[in-house]
């Protein structure tokens, strides 16, 4: 199976994120600020704000920039896990290394970017990612994760099943 890739023009991505943030803000405005739905929308809005800052910081440095991302397949995930484990083994007491895992995840999915040297290998990409603002890394991680999720028609997922069970329980007579 060929690796799924996507090239993202930074200016277009900023516009897409701004539009999504507007939609989330509009939806949040209609929710009770004390509700769980509002809290979820608020968190999503904050994530979008951070991602916009990441894209804007790249645009500032590279006005006509674009990045090319690749979906992570099993081999790339294994590379991420192996490098993360190596970092953990090197730390005294095997401390948490989630941050290193994030950097390696992005490095594995980042095929081209204005801040990468041409033909940069995994280690060089990881070092370059590590030099970027956290908002850039968070945005890249989110987009790579989206790209790595297979686009399949999965009907009747968990949320739909819970809703169906609730409906079933609401209409069933008590025992």
Foldseek 3Di string as FASTA:
>chain_A
DDWDKDKFWLVVVLVVLVVVLVVLVVVLVPDDCPDPSNVVSVVVNVLSVLLSVLSVVLCVVPVRWMWMWTADDPVLLVVLVVVQQVVLVPDPPSDDRVVLSLLLLLLSTTDDTPQADPPDDSVRSSVSSVPGPPSNSSNSSVVNVVSNDDDDPDPPDPVNVVVVVVVVVVPDDDD
